[in-house]
């Protein structure tokens, strides 16, 4: 199932970190909906004051956060909610 994270504050980042720990996750996180600049979102994901440093490499490219896990690149897009597709 493809899902989006609506809000990338403390809880949104914790959900993404937990998902990254799973090797056989049933969800596919494909999008982050938040207003903060993508560089700030990546930095906050990497350096968390409660959970510590992310043990994976993380950088940005345009509107994507790119996380390297097991020599694979995970690309998570960032869009505002007004541009997200709506399922009917």
C-alpha atoms as a PDB file:
ATOM      1  CA  UNK A   1       0.000   0.000   0.000  1.00  0.00           C
ATOM      2  CA  UNK A   2       1.345   3.413  -0.961  1.00  0.00           C
ATOM      3  CA  UNK A   3       0.920   6.059   1.743  1.00  0.00           C
ATOM      4  CA  UNK A   4       1.804   9.697   2.397  1.00  0.00           C
ATOM      5  CA  UNK A   5       2.858  11.283   5.671  1.00  0.00           C
ATOM      6  CA  UNK A   6       0.730  14.335   6.374  1.00  0.00           C
ATOM      7  CA  UNK A   7       2.974  16.551   8.501  1.00  0.00           C
ATOM      8  CA  UNK A   8       6.677  15.975   9.074  1.00  0.00           C
ATOM      9  CA  UNK A   9       6.938  17.092  12.684  1.00  0.00           C
ATOM     10  CA  UNK A  10       8.010  14.851  15.566  1.00  0.00           C
ATOM     11  CA  UNK A  11       5.400  12.144  14.816  1.00  0.00           C
ATOM     12  CA  UNK A  12       5.841  12.165  11.029  1.00  0.00           C
ATOM     13  CA  UNK A  13       9.601  11.803  11.368  1.00  0.00           C
ATOM     14  CA  UNK A  14       9.183   9.027  13.973  1.00  0.00           C
ATOM     15  CA  UNK A  15       6.862   7.133  11.602  1.00  0.00           C
ATOM     16  CA  UNK A  16       9.381   7.420   8.763  1.00  0.00           C
ATOM     17  CA  UNK A  17      12.267   6.328  11.013  1.00  0.00           C
ATOM     18  CA  UNK A  18      10.266   3.297  12.196  1.00  0.00           C
ATOM     19  CA  UNK A  19       9.375   2.408   8.614  1.00  0.00           C
ATOM     20  CA  UNK A  20      13.054   2.622   7.633  1.00  0.00           C
ATOM     21  CA  UNK A  21      13.884   0.040  10.323  1.00  0.00           C
ATOM     22  CA  UNK A  22      11.567  -2.537   8.732  1.00  0.00           C
ATOM     23  CA  UNK A  23      13.114  -4.880   6.180  1.00  0.00           C
ATOM     24  CA  UNK A  24       9.790  -6.252   4.971  1.00  0.00           C
ATOM     25  CA  UNK A  25       7.447  -3.282   5.360  1.00  0.00           C
ATOM     26  CA  UNK A  26       3.897  -3.690   4.058  1.00  0.00           C
ATOM     27  CA  UNK A  27       3.669   0.051   3.396  1.00  0.00           C
ATOM     28  CA  UNK A  28       5.414   2.122   0.757  1.00  0.00           C
ATOM     29  CA  UNK A  29       5.863   5.710   1.953  1.00  0.00           C
ATOM     30  CA  UNK A  30       5.960   7.770  -1.221  1.00  0.00           C
ATOM     31  CA  UNK A  31       5.149  11.310  -0.151  1.00  0.00           C
ATOM     32  CA  UNK A  32       5.576  13.839   2.644  1.00  0.00           C
ATOM     33  CA  UNK A  33       3.135  16.722   2.955  1.00  0.00           C
ATOM     34  CA  UNK A  34       4.602  19.619   4.945  1.00  0.00           C
ATOM     35  CA  UNK A  35       5.329  23.303   4.560  1.00  0.00           C
ATOM     36  CA  UNK A  36       8.935  23.363   5.794  1.00  0.00           C
ATOM     37  CA  UNK A  37      11.720  23.544   3.198  1.00  0.00           C
ATOM     38  CA  UNK A  38      12.860  20.112   2.023  1.00  0.00           C
ATOM     39  CA  UNK A  39      16.457  20.737   3.203  1.00  0.00           C
ATOM     40  CA  UNK A  40      15.187  21.405   6.735  1.00  0.00           C
ATOM     41  CA  UNK A  41      13.041  18.262   6.654  1.00  0.00           C
ATOM     42  CA  UNK A  42      16.060  16.169   5.655  1.00  0.00           C
ATOM     43  CA  UNK A  43      18.242  17.754   8.356  1.00  0.00           C
ATOM     44  CA  UNK A  44      15.614  17.174  11.053  1.00  0.00           C
ATOM     45  CA  UNK A  45      15.268  13.551   9.943  1.00  0.00           C
ATOM     46  CA  UNK A  46      19.033  13.028  10.104  1.00  0.00           C
ATOM     47  CA  UNK A  47      19.721  14.776  13.414  1.00  0.00           C
ATOM     48  CA  UNK A  48      16.923  14.168  15.920  1.00  0.00           C
ATOM     49  CA  UNK A  49      17.405  15.436  19.492  1.00  0.00           C
ATOM     50  CA  UNK A  50      15.409  12.514  20.947  1.00  0.00           C
ATOM     51  CA  UNK A  51      16.116   9.589  18.604  1.00  0.00           C
ATOM     52  CA  UNK A  52      19.692  10.527  17.738  1.00  0.00           C
ATOM     53  CA  UNK A  53      21.366  10.474  14.352  1.00  0.00           C
ATOM     54  CA  UNK A  54      19.841   8.498  11.509  1.00  0.00           C
ATOM     55  CA  UNK A  55      22.198   5.658  10.645  1.00  0.00           C
ATOM     56  CA  UNK A  56      21.387   5.975   6.929  1.00  0.00           C
ATOM     57  CA  UNK A  57      22.625   8.546   4.433  1.00  0.00           C
ATOM     58  CA  UNK A  58      20.079  11.212   3.600  1.00  0.00           C
ATOM     59  CA  UNK A  59      20.169  14.111   1.145  1.00  0.00           C
ATOM     60  CA  UNK A  60      17.825  16.118  -1.045  1.00  0.00           C
ATOM     61  CA  UNK A  61      17.375  16.539  -4.767  1.00  0.00           C
ATOM     62  CA  UNK A  62      14.753  19.061  -5.801  1.00  0.00           C
ATOM     63  CA  UNK A  63      11.531  18.136  -3.986  1.00  0.00           C
ATOM     64  CA  UNK A  64      12.762  14.680  -2.964  1.00  0.00           C
ATOM     65  CA  UNK A  65      14.444  13.298   0.118  1.00  0.00           C
ATOM     66  CA  UNK A  66      16.811  10.524  -0.950  1.00  0.00           C
ATOM     67  CA  UNK A  67      17.738   7.942   1.678  1.00  0.00           C
ATOM     68  CA  UNK A  68      20.346   5.264   0.961  1.00  0.00           C
ATOM     69  CA  UNK A  69      19.496   1.921   2.593  1.00  0.00           C
ATOM     70  CA  UNK A  70      21.263  -1.352   1.762  1.00  0.00           C
ATOM     71  CA  UNK A  71      22.882   0.264  -1.295  1.00  0.00           C
ATOM     72  CA  UNK A  72      19.413   1.200  -2.625  1.00  0.00           C
ATOM     73  CA  UNK A  73      18.127   4.732  -2.901  1.00  0.00           C
ATOM     74  CA  UNK A  74      14.677   5.437  -1.492  1.00  0.00           C
ATOM     75  CA  UNK A  75      13.132   8.560  -2.994  1.00  0.00           C
ATOM     76  CA  UNK A  76      10.360  10.289  -1.084  1.00  0.00           C
ATOM     77  CA  UNK A  77       8.595  13.132  -2.838  1.00  0.00           C
ATOM     78  CA  UNK A  78       7.408  16.239  -1.054  1.00  0.00           C
ATOM     79  CA  UNK A  79       4.234  17.928  -2.231  1.00  0.00           C
ATOM     80  CA  UNK A  80       1.749  20.284  -0.711  1.00  0.00           C
ATOM     81  CA  UNK A  81      -1.667  18.793   0.016  1.00  0.00           C
ATOM     82  CA  UNK A  82      -3.310  20.813  -2.753  1.00  0.00           C
ATOM     83  CA  UNK A  83      -1.210  18.892  -5.317  1.00  0.00           C
ATOM     84  CA  UNK A  84      -1.719  15.388  -3.914  1.00  0.00           C
ATOM     85  CA  UNK A  85      -3.855  13.002  -5.961  1.00  0.00           C
ATOM     86  CA  UNK A  86      -7.292  12.281  -4.539  1.00  0.00           C
ATOM     87  CA  UNK A  87      -8.653   8.741  -4.616  1.00  0.00           C
ATOM     88  CA  UNK A  88     -12.352   8.462  -5.349  1.00  0.00           C
END
